[in-house]
Protein backbone atom coordinates (compact mmCIF):
# COMPACT_ATOMS: atom_id res chain seq x y z
CA UNK A 1 0.00 0.00 0.00
CA UNK A 2 1.12 3.50 -0.74
CA UNK A 3 1.72 6.06 1.98
CA UNK A 4 -1.06 8.54 1.11
CA UNK A 5 -3.55 10.56 3.12
CA UNK A 6 -6.77 8.78 2.24
CA UNK A 7 -8.87 11.42 4.00
CA UNK A 8 -7.68 14.04 1.51
CA UNK A 9 -7.10 11.98 -1.62
CA UNK A 10 -8.54 13.22 -4.90
CA UNK A 11 -10.71 10.57 -6.54
CA UNK A 12 -11.61 10.57 -10.22
CA UNK A 13 -14.69 8.36 -9.76
CA UNK A 14 -16.67 6.65 -7.02
CA UNK A 15 -18.46 3.31 -7.32
CA UNK A 16 -21.26 2.88 -4.78
CA UNK A 17 -21.66 -0.86 -4.18
CA UNK A 18 -23.03 -0.57 -0.64
CA UNK A 19 -26.22 -2.51 -1.43
CA UNK A 20 -24.35 -5.30 -3.18
CA UNK A 21 -23.12 -8.59 -1.70
CA UNK A 22 -20.05 -10.52 -2.81
CA UNK A 23 -18.98 -10.58 -5.63
CA UNK A 24 -20.94 -7.43 -6.53
CA UNK A 25 -18.49 -4.83 -5.16
CA UNK A 26 -15.59 -6.49 -6.98
CA UNK A 27 -17.53 -6.60 -10.24
CA UNK A 28 -18.44 -2.92 -9.82
CA UNK A 29 -14.76 -2.09 -9.17
CA UNK A 30 -13.75 -3.94 -12.34
CA UNK A 31 -16.24 -1.88 -14.35
CA UNK A 32 -15.35 1.36 -12.58
CA UNK A 33 -11.58 1.14 -13.07
CA UNK A 34 -12.12 1.42 -16.82
CA UNK A 35 -13.78 4.80 -16.33
CA UNK A 36 -10.73 6.46 -14.78
CA UNK A 37 -7.49 7.39 -16.51
CA UNK A 38 -4.16 5.76 -15.76
CA UNK A 39 -2.78 7.34 -12.59
CA UNK A 40 -6.20 8.37 -11.30
CA UNK A 41 -7.93 6.95 -8.23
CA UNK A 42 -11.16 4.97 -8.05
CA UNK A 43 -13.07 4.92 -4.77
CA UNK A 44 -15.27 1.90 -4.03
CA UNK A 45 -17.96 2.08 -1.33
CA UNK A 46 -18.91 -1.32 0.07
CA UNK A 47 -20.79 -2.72 3.04
CA UNK A 48 -19.62 -6.28 2.31
CA UNK A 49 -16.76 -7.24 4.68
CA UNK A 50 -15.27 -9.59 2.05
CA UNK A 51 -14.45 -6.59 -0.12
CA UNK A 52 -11.55 -5.74 2.22
CA UNK A 53 -9.78 -8.87 0.94
CA UNK A 54 -11.21 -9.10 -2.58
CA UNK A 55 -10.31 -5.62 -3.84
CA UNK A 56 -6.61 -5.62 -2.76
CA UNK A 57 -6.11 -9.14 -4.14
CA UNK A 58 -7.71 -8.24 -7.47
CA UNK A 59 -5.78 -4.96 -7.76
CA UNK A 60 -2.49 -6.74 -7.13
CA UNK A 61 -3.30 -9.53 -9.55
CA UNK A 62 -4.17 -7.21 -12.45
CA UNK A 63 -1.48 -4.60 -11.83
CA UNK A 64 -3.28 -1.71 -10.12
CA UNK A 65 -2.23 -0.12 -6.82
CA UNK A 66 -4.43 -0.65 -3.77
CA UNK A 67 -4.02 2.50 -1.67
CA UNK A 68 -5.97 1.47 1.40
CA UNK A 69 -9.33 1.48 3.13
CA UNK A 70 -11.17 3.90 5.40
CA UNK A 71 -14.05 2.89 7.64
CA UNK A 72 -17.15 5.04 7.26
CA UNK A 73 -20.54 4.81 8.96
CA UNK A 74 -21.48 1.19 8.28
CA UNK A 75 -19.40 0.73 5.14
CA UNK A 76 -15.84 0.84 3.83
CA UNK A 77 -14.21 3.26 1.39
CA UNK A 78 -11.52 1.49 -0.66
CA UNK A 79 -9.10 3.30 -2.96
CA UNK A 80 -7.38 1.92 -6.07
CA UNK A 81 -4.98 3.77 -8.37
CA UNK A 82 -5.22 2.65 -12.00
CA UNK A 83 -1.76 1.66 -13.21
CA UNK A 84 -2.43 0.34 -16.72
PDB file of N, CA and C in Angstrom:
ATOM      1  N   UNK A   1       0.829  -1.186   0.000  1.00  0.00           N
ATOM      2  CA  UNK A   1       0.000   0.000   0.000  1.00  0.00           C
ATOM      3  C   UNK A   1       0.874   1.250   0.000  1.00  0.00           C
ATOM      4  N   UNK A   2       0.400   2.241  -0.675  1.00  0.00           N
ATOM      5  CA  UNK A   2       1.121   3.500  -0.738  1.00  0.00           C
ATOM      6  C   UNK A   2       0.907   4.295   0.548  1.00  0.00           C
ATOM      7  N   UNK A   3       1.827   5.207   0.798  1.00  0.00           N
ATOM      8  CA  UNK A   3       1.719   6.060   1.983  1.00  0.00           C
ATOM      9  C   UNK A   3       1.049   7.366   1.569  1.00  0.00           C
ATOM     10  N   UNK A   4      -0.289   7.357   1.514  1.00  0.00           N
ATOM     11  CA  UNK A   4      -1.056   8.535   1.105  1.00  0.00           C
ATOM     12  C   UNK A   4      -2.103   8.855   2.159  1.00  0.00           C
ATOM     13  N   UNK A   5      -2.509  10.119   2.197  1.00  0.00           N
ATOM     14  CA  UNK A   5      -3.552  10.558   3.121  1.00  0.00           C
ATOM     15  C   UNK A   5      -4.902  10.284   2.475  1.00  0.00           C
ATOM     16  N   UNK A   6      -5.512   9.191   2.855  1.00  0.00           N
ATOM     17  CA  UNK A   6      -6.769   8.782   2.235  1.00  0.00           C
ATOM     18  C   UNK A   6      -7.914   9.736   2.553  1.00  0.00           C
ATOM     19  N   UNK A   7      -7.817  10.462   3.647  1.00  0.00           N
ATOM     20  CA  UNK A   7      -8.867  11.416   3.996  1.00  0.00           C
ATOM     21  C   UNK A   7      -8.898  12.611   3.049  1.00  0.00           C
ATOM     22  N   UNK A   8      -7.780  12.878   2.389  1.00  0.00           N
ATOM     23  CA  UNK A   8      -7.683  14.043   1.510  1.00  0.00           C
ATOM     24  C   UNK A   8      -7.317  13.681   0.078  1.00  0.00           C
ATOM     25  N   UNK A   9      -7.479  12.422  -0.286  1.00  0.00           N
ATOM     26  CA  UNK A   9      -7.100  11.978  -1.621  1.00  0.00           C
ATOM     27  C   UNK A   9      -8.130  12.456  -2.649  1.00  0.00           C
ATOM     28  N   UNK A  10      -7.645  12.802  -3.820  1.00  0.00           N
ATOM     29  CA  UNK A  10      -8.539  13.217  -4.903  1.00  0.00           C
ATOM     30  C   UNK A  10      -8.932  11.981  -5.702  1.00  0.00           C
ATOM     31  N   UNK A  11     -10.234  11.721  -5.778  1.00  0.00           N
ATOM     32  CA  UNK A  11     -10.706  10.566  -6.540  1.00  0.00           C
ATOM     33  C   UNK A  11     -11.303  11.029  -7.857  1.00  0.00           C
ATOM     34  N   UNK A  12     -11.080  10.245  -8.900  1.00  0.00           N
ATOM     35  CA  UNK A  12     -11.611  10.565 -10.223  1.00  0.00           C
ATOM     36  C   UNK A  12     -13.035  10.048 -10.379  1.00  0.00           C
ATOM     37  N   UNK A  13     -13.353   8.955  -9.682  1.00  0.00           N
ATOM     38  CA  UNK A  13     -14.692   8.364  -9.762  1.00  0.00           C
ATOM     39  C   UNK A  13     -14.960   7.567  -8.498  1.00  0.00           C
ATOM     40  N   UNK A  14     -16.248   7.439  -8.172  1.00  0.00           N
ATOM     41  CA  UNK A  14     -16.675   6.646  -7.021  1.00  0.00           C
ATOM     42  C   UNK A  14     -17.708   5.635  -7.479  1.00  0.00           C
ATOM     43  N   UNK A  15     -17.512   4.392  -7.055  1.00  0.00           N
ATOM     44  CA  UNK A  15     -18.464   3.313  -7.322  1.00  0.00           C
ATOM     45  C   UNK A  15     -19.165   3.005  -6.006  1.00  0.00           C
ATOM     46  N   UNK A  16     -20.491   3.146  -5.989  1.00  0.00           N
ATOM     47  CA  UNK A  16     -21.261   2.882  -4.776  1.00  0.00           C
ATOM     48  C   UNK A  16     -21.859   1.480  -4.868  1.00  0.00           C
ATOM     49  N   UNK A  17     -21.212   0.537  -4.184  1.00  0.00           N
ATOM     50  CA  UNK A  17     -21.662  -0.861  -4.184  1.00  0.00           C
ATOM     51  C   UNK A  17     -22.148  -1.259  -2.793  1.00  0.00           C
ATOM     52  N   UNK A  18     -22.631  -0.296  -2.019  1.00  0.00           N
ATOM     53  CA  UNK A  18     -23.030  -0.572  -0.637  1.00  0.00           C
ATOM     54  C   UNK A  18     -24.205  -1.535  -0.524  1.00  0.00           C
ATOM     55  N   UNK A  19     -25.081  -1.602  -1.516  1.00  0.00           N
ATOM     56  CA  UNK A  19     -26.222  -2.509  -1.434  1.00  0.00           C
ATOM     57  C   UNK A  19     -25.952  -3.856  -2.060  1.00  0.00           C
ATOM     58  N   UNK A  20     -24.718  -4.104  -2.430  1.00  0.00           N
ATOM     59  CA  UNK A  20     -24.351  -5.301  -3.183  1.00  0.00           C
ATOM     60  C   UNK A  20     -23.549  -6.268  -2.321  1.00  0.00           C
ATOM     61  N   UNK A  21     -23.883  -7.561  -2.421  1.00  0.00           N
ATOM     62  CA  UNK A  21     -23.121  -8.588  -1.702  1.00  0.00           C
ATOM     63  C   UNK A  21     -22.068  -9.182  -2.631  1.00  0.00           C
ATOM     64  N   UNK A  22     -21.129  -9.879  -2.062  1.00  0.00           N
ATOM     65  CA  UNK A  22     -20.052 -10.517  -2.808  1.00  0.00           C
ATOM     66  C   UNK A  22     -20.638 -11.384  -3.920  1.00  0.00           C
ATOM     67  N   UNK A  23     -20.146 -11.324  -5.127  1.00  0.00           N
ATOM     68  CA  UNK A  23     -18.984 -10.580  -5.626  1.00  0.00           C
ATOM     69  C   UNK A  23     -19.327  -9.235  -6.235  1.00  0.00           C
ATOM     70  N   UNK A  24     -20.491  -8.688  -5.936  1.00  0.00           N
ATOM     71  CA  UNK A  24     -20.935  -7.432  -6.531  1.00  0.00           C
ATOM     72  C   UNK A  24     -19.963  -6.275  -6.440  1.00  0.00           C
ATOM     73  N   UNK A  25     -19.429  -5.953  -5.243  1.00  0.00           N
ATOM     74  CA  UNK A  25     -18.493  -4.831  -5.162  1.00  0.00           C
ATOM     75  C   UNK A  25     -17.251  -5.016  -6.043  1.00  0.00           C
ATOM     76  N   UNK A  26     -16.750  -6.232  -6.125  1.00  0.00           N
ATOM     77  CA  UNK A  26     -15.589  -6.490  -6.976  1.00  0.00           C
ATOM     78  C   UNK A  26     -15.952  -6.290  -8.442  1.00  0.00           C
ATOM     79  N   UNK A  27     -17.096  -6.780  -8.860  1.00  0.00           N
ATOM     80  CA  UNK A  27     -17.531  -6.598 -10.244  1.00  0.00           C
ATOM     81  C   UNK A  27     -17.720  -5.114 -10.558  1.00  0.00           C
ATOM     82  N   UNK A  28     -18.263  -4.370  -9.621  1.00  0.00           N
ATOM     83  CA  UNK A  28     -18.437  -2.925  -9.815  1.00  0.00           C
ATOM     84  C   UNK A  28     -17.081  -2.221  -9.913  1.00  0.00           C
ATOM     85  N   UNK A  29     -16.107  -2.663  -9.109  1.00  0.00           N
ATOM     86  CA  UNK A  29     -14.759  -2.085  -9.171  1.00  0.00           C
ATOM     87  C   UNK A  29     -14.121  -2.369 -10.526  1.00  0.00           C
ATOM     88  N   UNK A  30     -14.304  -3.582 -11.033  1.00  0.00           N
ATOM     89  CA  UNK A  30     -13.746  -3.937 -12.344  1.00  0.00           C
ATOM     90  C   UNK A  30     -14.321  -3.048 -13.436  1.00  0.00           C
ATOM     91  N   UNK A  31     -15.615  -2.772 -13.374  1.00  0.00           N
ATOM     92  CA  UNK A  31     -16.242  -1.876 -14.353  1.00  0.00           C
ATOM     93  C   UNK A  31     -15.766  -0.440 -14.142  1.00  0.00           C
ATOM     94  N   UNK A  32     -15.699  -0.018 -12.897  1.00  0.00           N
ATOM     95  CA  UNK A  32     -15.355   1.361 -12.581  1.00  0.00           C
ATOM     96  C   UNK A  32     -13.931   1.746 -12.929  1.00  0.00           C
ATOM     97  N   UNK A  33     -12.991   0.814 -12.822  1.00  0.00           N
ATOM     98  CA  UNK A  33     -11.581   1.144 -13.075  1.00  0.00           C
ATOM     99  C   UNK A  33     -11.377   1.557 -14.526  1.00  0.00           C
ATOM    100  N   UNK A  34     -12.219   1.050 -15.414  1.00  0.00           N
ATOM    101  CA  UNK A  34     -12.119   1.420 -16.824  1.00  0.00           C
ATOM    102  C   UNK A  34     -12.599   2.833 -17.108  1.00  0.00           C
ATOM    103  N   UNK A  35     -13.241   3.453 -16.148  1.00  0.00           N
ATOM    104  CA  UNK A  35     -13.780   4.803 -16.334  1.00  0.00           C
ATOM    105  C   UNK A  35     -12.837   5.889 -15.830  1.00  0.00           C
ATOM    106  N   UNK A  36     -11.717   5.480 -15.232  1.00  0.00           N
ATOM    107  CA  UNK A  36     -10.729   6.461 -14.775  1.00  0.00           C
ATOM    108  C   UNK A  36      -9.465   6.319 -15.614  1.00  0.00           C
ATOM    109  N   UNK A  37      -8.725   7.404 -15.730  1.00  0.00           N
ATOM    110  CA  UNK A  37      -7.494   7.394 -16.513  1.00  0.00           C
ATOM    111  C   UNK A  37      -6.364   6.765 -15.708  1.00  0.00           C
ATOM    112  N   UNK A  38      -5.349   6.311 -16.416  1.00  0.00           N
ATOM    113  CA  UNK A  38      -4.159   5.761 -15.762  1.00  0.00           C
ATOM    114  C   UNK A  38      -3.583   6.829 -14.829  1.00  0.00           C
ATOM    115  N   UNK A  39      -3.307   6.435 -13.599  1.00  0.00           N
ATOM    116  CA  UNK A  39      -2.776   7.339 -12.586  1.00  0.00           C
ATOM    117  C   UNK A  39      -3.851   7.937 -11.686  1.00  0.00           C
ATOM    118  N   UNK A  40      -5.112   7.847 -12.115  1.00  0.00           N
ATOM    119  CA  UNK A  40      -6.199   8.375 -11.298  1.00  0.00           C
ATOM    120  C   UNK A  40      -6.680   7.343 -10.287  1.00  0.00           C
ATOM    121  N   UNK A  41      -7.488   7.799  -9.333  1.00  0.00           N
ATOM    122  CA  UNK A  41      -7.928   6.948  -8.228  1.00  0.00           C
ATOM    123  C   UNK A  41      -9.428   6.682  -8.320  1.00  0.00           C
ATOM    124  N   UNK A  42      -9.780   5.410  -8.140  1.00  0.00           N
ATOM    125  CA  UNK A  42     -11.164   4.969  -8.047  1.00  0.00           C
ATOM    126  C   UNK A  42     -11.469   4.678  -6.589  1.00  0.00           C
ATOM    127  N   UNK A  43     -12.602   5.198  -6.115  1.00  0.00           N
ATOM    128  CA  UNK A  43     -13.067   4.917  -4.769  1.00  0.00           C
ATOM    129  C   UNK A  43     -14.230   3.937  -4.869  1.00  0.00           C
ATOM    130  N   UNK A  44     -14.199   2.882  -4.053  1.00  0.00           N
ATOM    131  CA  UNK A  44     -15.271   1.897  -4.026  1.00  0.00           C
ATOM    132  C   UNK A  44     -15.900   1.929  -2.632  1.00  0.00           C
ATOM    133  N   UNK A  45     -17.213   2.113  -2.588  1.00  0.00           N
ATOM    134  CA  UNK A  45     -17.956   2.084  -1.328  1.00  0.00           C
ATOM    135  C   UNK A  45     -18.607   0.719  -1.204  1.00  0.00           C
ATOM    136  N   UNK A  46     -18.381   0.030  -0.087  1.00  0.00           N
ATOM    137  CA  UNK A  46     -18.911  -1.320   0.068  1.00  0.00           C
ATOM    138  C   UNK A  46     -19.254  -1.616   1.525  1.00  0.00           C
ATOM    139  N   UNK A  47     -20.394  -2.259   1.708  1.00  0.00           N
ATOM    140  CA  UNK A  47     -20.786  -2.721   3.037  1.00  0.00           C
ATOM    141  C   UNK A  47     -20.487  -4.195   3.252  1.00  0.00           C
ATOM    142  N   UNK A  48     -19.944  -4.853   2.235  1.00  0.00           N
ATOM    143  CA  UNK A  48     -19.622  -6.280   2.309  1.00  0.00           C
ATOM    144  C   UNK A  48     -18.218  -6.455   2.893  1.00  0.00           C
ATOM    145  N   UNK A  49     -18.083  -7.110   4.055  1.00  0.00           N
ATOM    146  CA  UNK A  49     -16.755  -7.241   4.677  1.00  0.00           C
ATOM    147  C   UNK A  49     -15.739  -7.983   3.813  1.00  0.00           C
ATOM    148  N   UNK A  50     -16.190  -8.855   2.917  1.00  0.00           N
ATOM    149  CA  UNK A  50     -15.266  -9.590   2.051  1.00  0.00           C
ATOM    150  C   UNK A  50     -14.525  -8.699   1.073  1.00  0.00           C
ATOM    151  N   UNK A  51     -15.072  -7.521   0.834  1.00  0.00           N
ATOM    152  CA  UNK A  51     -14.446  -6.592  -0.115  1.00  0.00           C
ATOM    153  C   UNK A  51     -13.070  -6.170   0.367  1.00  0.00           C
ATOM    154  N   UNK A  52     -12.858  -6.135   1.673  1.00  0.00           N
ATOM    155  CA  UNK A  52     -11.552  -5.744   2.217  1.00  0.00           C
ATOM    156  C   UNK A  52     -10.433  -6.681   1.749  1.00  0.00           C
ATOM    157  N   UNK A  53     -10.774  -7.920   1.452  1.00  0.00           N
ATOM    158  CA  UNK A  53      -9.784  -8.871   0.938  1.00  0.00           C
ATOM    159  C   UNK A  53      -9.826  -8.952  -0.583  1.00  0.00           C
ATOM    160  N   UNK A  54     -11.038  -8.910  -1.140  1.00  0.00           N
ATOM    161  CA  UNK A  54     -11.209  -9.104  -2.577  1.00  0.00           C
ATOM    162  C   UNK A  54     -10.564  -7.994  -3.405  1.00  0.00           C
ATOM    163  N   UNK A  55     -10.798  -6.750  -3.046  1.00  0.00           N
ATOM    164  CA  UNK A  55     -10.308  -5.624  -3.844  1.00  0.00           C
ATOM    165  C   UNK A  55      -8.776  -5.563  -3.861  1.00  0.00           C
ATOM    166  N   UNK A  56      -8.091  -5.644  -2.700  1.00  0.00           N
ATOM    167  CA  UNK A  56      -6.612  -5.621  -2.763  1.00  0.00           C
ATOM    168  C   UNK A  56      -6.031  -6.786  -3.557  1.00  0.00           C
ATOM    169  N   UNK A  57      -6.617  -7.975  -3.411  1.00  0.00           N
ATOM    170  CA  UNK A  57      -6.109  -9.144  -4.141  1.00  0.00           C
ATOM    171  C   UNK A  57      -6.286  -8.952  -5.637  1.00  0.00           C
ATOM    172  N   UNK A  58      -7.456  -8.484  -6.044  1.00  0.00           N
ATOM    173  CA  UNK A  58      -7.713  -8.242  -7.465  1.00  0.00           C
ATOM    174  C   UNK A  58      -6.774  -7.168  -8.012  1.00  0.00           C
ATOM    175  N   UNK A  59      -6.644  -6.054  -7.291  1.00  0.00           N
ATOM    176  CA  UNK A  59      -5.784  -4.956  -7.756  1.00  0.00           C
ATOM    177  C   UNK A  59      -4.346  -5.439  -7.962  1.00  0.00           C
ATOM    178  N   UNK A  60      -3.848  -6.208  -7.018  1.00  0.00           N
ATOM    179  CA  UNK A  60      -2.486  -6.738  -7.125  1.00  0.00           C
ATOM    180  C   UNK A  60      -2.350  -7.686  -8.313  1.00  0.00           C
ATOM    181  N   UNK A  61      -3.335  -8.527  -8.486  1.00  0.00           N
ATOM    182  CA  UNK A  61      -3.296  -9.531  -9.553  1.00  0.00           C
ATOM    183  C   UNK A  61      -3.300  -8.896 -10.950  1.00  0.00           C
ATOM    184  N   UNK A  62      -4.051  -7.808 -11.124  1.00  0.00           N
ATOM    185  CA  UNK A  62      -4.169  -7.207 -12.453  1.00  0.00           C
ATOM    186  C   UNK A  62      -3.242  -6.016 -12.666  1.00  0.00           C
ATOM    187  N   UNK A  63      -2.489  -5.632 -11.644  1.00  0.00           N
ATOM    188  CA  UNK A  63      -1.477  -4.602 -11.831  1.00  0.00           C
ATOM    189  C   UNK A  63      -1.870  -3.187 -11.442  1.00  0.00           C
ATOM    190  N   UNK A  64      -2.926  -3.021 -10.642  1.00  0.00           N
ATOM    191  CA  UNK A  64      -3.283  -1.710 -10.120  1.00  0.00           C
ATOM    192  C   UNK A  64      -2.728  -1.575  -8.705  1.00  0.00           C
ATOM    193  N   UNK A  65      -2.787  -0.376  -8.158  1.00  0.00           N
ATOM    194  CA  UNK A  65      -2.226  -0.120  -6.824  1.00  0.00           C
ATOM    195  C   UNK A  65      -3.361   0.084  -5.821  1.00  0.00           C
ATOM    196  N   UNK A  66      -3.461  -0.817  -4.848  1.00  0.00           N
ATOM    197  CA  UNK A  66      -4.430  -0.648  -3.772  1.00  0.00           C
ATOM    198  C   UNK A  66      -3.838   0.329  -2.770  1.00  0.00           C
ATOM    199  N   UNK A  67      -4.542   1.443  -2.534  1.00  0.00           N
ATOM    200  CA  UNK A  67      -4.016   2.496  -1.671  1.00  0.00           C
ATOM    201  C   UNK A  67      -4.429   2.350  -0.226  1.00  0.00           C
ATOM    202  N   UNK A  68      -5.551   1.670   0.021  1.00  0.00           N
ATOM    203  CA  UNK A  68      -5.972   1.473   1.397  1.00  0.00           C
ATOM    204  C   UNK A  68      -7.475   1.574   1.548  1.00  0.00           C
ATOM    205  N   UNK A  69      -7.912   1.480   2.812  1.00  0.00           N
ATOM    206  CA  UNK A  69      -9.334   1.478   3.127  1.00  0.00           C
ATOM    207  C   UNK A  69      -9.593   2.390   4.326  1.00  0.00           C
ATOM    208  N   UNK A  70     -10.696   3.090   4.268  1.00  0.00           N
ATOM    209  CA  UNK A  70     -11.167   3.895   5.398  1.00  0.00           C
ATOM    210  C   UNK A  70     -12.520   3.358   5.831  1.00  0.00           C
ATOM    211  N   UNK A  71     -12.744   3.289   7.130  1.00  0.00           N
ATOM    212  CA  UNK A  71     -14.051   2.889   7.637  1.00  0.00           C
ATOM    213  C   UNK A  71     -14.944   4.109   7.694  1.00  0.00           C
ATOM    214  N   UNK A  72     -16.149   3.969   7.186  1.00  0.00           N
ATOM    215  CA  UNK A  72     -17.145   5.036   7.257  1.00  0.00           C
ATOM    216  C   UNK A  72     -18.280   4.527   8.143  1.00  0.00           C
ATOM    217  N   UNK A  73     -19.407   5.170   8.112  1.00  0.00           N
ATOM    218  CA  UNK A  73     -20.535   4.812   8.964  1.00  0.00           C
ATOM    219  C   UNK A  73     -21.279   3.607   8.390  1.00  0.00           C
ATOM    220  N   UNK A  74     -20.826   2.407   8.736  1.00  0.00           N
ATOM    221  CA  UNK A  74     -21.483   1.188   8.283  1.00  0.00           C
ATOM    222  C   UNK A  74     -20.996   0.645   6.961  1.00  0.00           C
ATOM    223  N   UNK A  75     -19.959   1.226   6.404  1.00  0.00           N
ATOM    224  CA  UNK A  75     -19.396   0.730   5.143  1.00  0.00           C
ATOM    225  C   UNK A  75     -17.922   1.099   5.057  1.00  0.00           C
ATOM    226  N   UNK A  76     -17.254   0.564   4.056  1.00  0.00           N
ATOM    227  CA  UNK A  76     -15.838   0.841   3.827  1.00  0.00           C
ATOM    228  C   UNK A  76     -15.668   1.678   2.563  1.00  0.00           C
ATOM    229  N   UNK A  77     -14.623   2.496   2.575  1.00  0.00           N
ATOM    230  CA  UNK A  77     -14.208   3.261   1.394  1.00  0.00           C
ATOM    231  C   UNK A  77     -12.839   2.710   0.991  1.00  0.00           C
ATOM    232  N   UNK A  78     -12.764   2.092  -0.174  1.00  0.00           N
ATOM    233  CA  UNK A  78     -11.523   1.492  -0.662  1.00  0.00           C
ATOM    234  C   UNK A  78     -11.013   2.298  -1.850  1.00  0.00           C
ATOM    235  N   UNK A  79      -9.699   2.446  -1.952  1.00  0.00           N
ATOM    236  CA  UNK A  79      -9.096   3.303  -2.959  1.00  0.00           C
ATOM    237  C   UNK A  79      -8.101   2.523  -3.804  1.00  0.00           C
ATOM    238  N   UNK A  80      -8.249   2.632  -5.123  1.00  0.00           N
ATOM    239  CA  UNK A  80      -7.382   1.925  -6.075  1.00  0.00           C
ATOM    240  C   UNK A  80      -6.875   2.921  -7.099  1.00  0.00           C
ATOM    241  N   UNK A  81      -5.550   2.932  -7.322  1.00  0.00           N
ATOM    242  CA  UNK A  81      -4.979   3.766  -8.370  1.00  0.00           C
ATOM    243  C   UNK A  81      -4.799   2.908  -9.622  1.00  0.00           C
ATOM    244  N   UNK A  82      -5.355   3.380 -10.731  1.00  0.00           N
ATOM    245  CA  UNK A  82      -5.216   2.652 -11.998  1.00  0.00           C
ATOM    246  C   UNK A  82      -3.789   2.789 -12.502  1.00  0.00           C
ATOM    247  N   UNK A  83      -3.159   1.670 -12.794  1.00  0.00           N
ATOM    248  CA  UNK A  83      -1.761   1.662 -13.212  1.00  0.00           C
ATOM    249  C   UNK A  83      -1.562   1.267 -14.669  1.00  0.00           C
ATOM    250  N   UNK A  84      -2.597   0.743 -15.324  1.00  0.00           N
ATOM    251  CA  UNK A  84      -2.425   0.339 -16.724  1.00  0.00           C
ATOM    252  C   UNK A  84      -3.720   0.484 -17.478  1.00  0.00           C
TER     253      UNK A  84
END
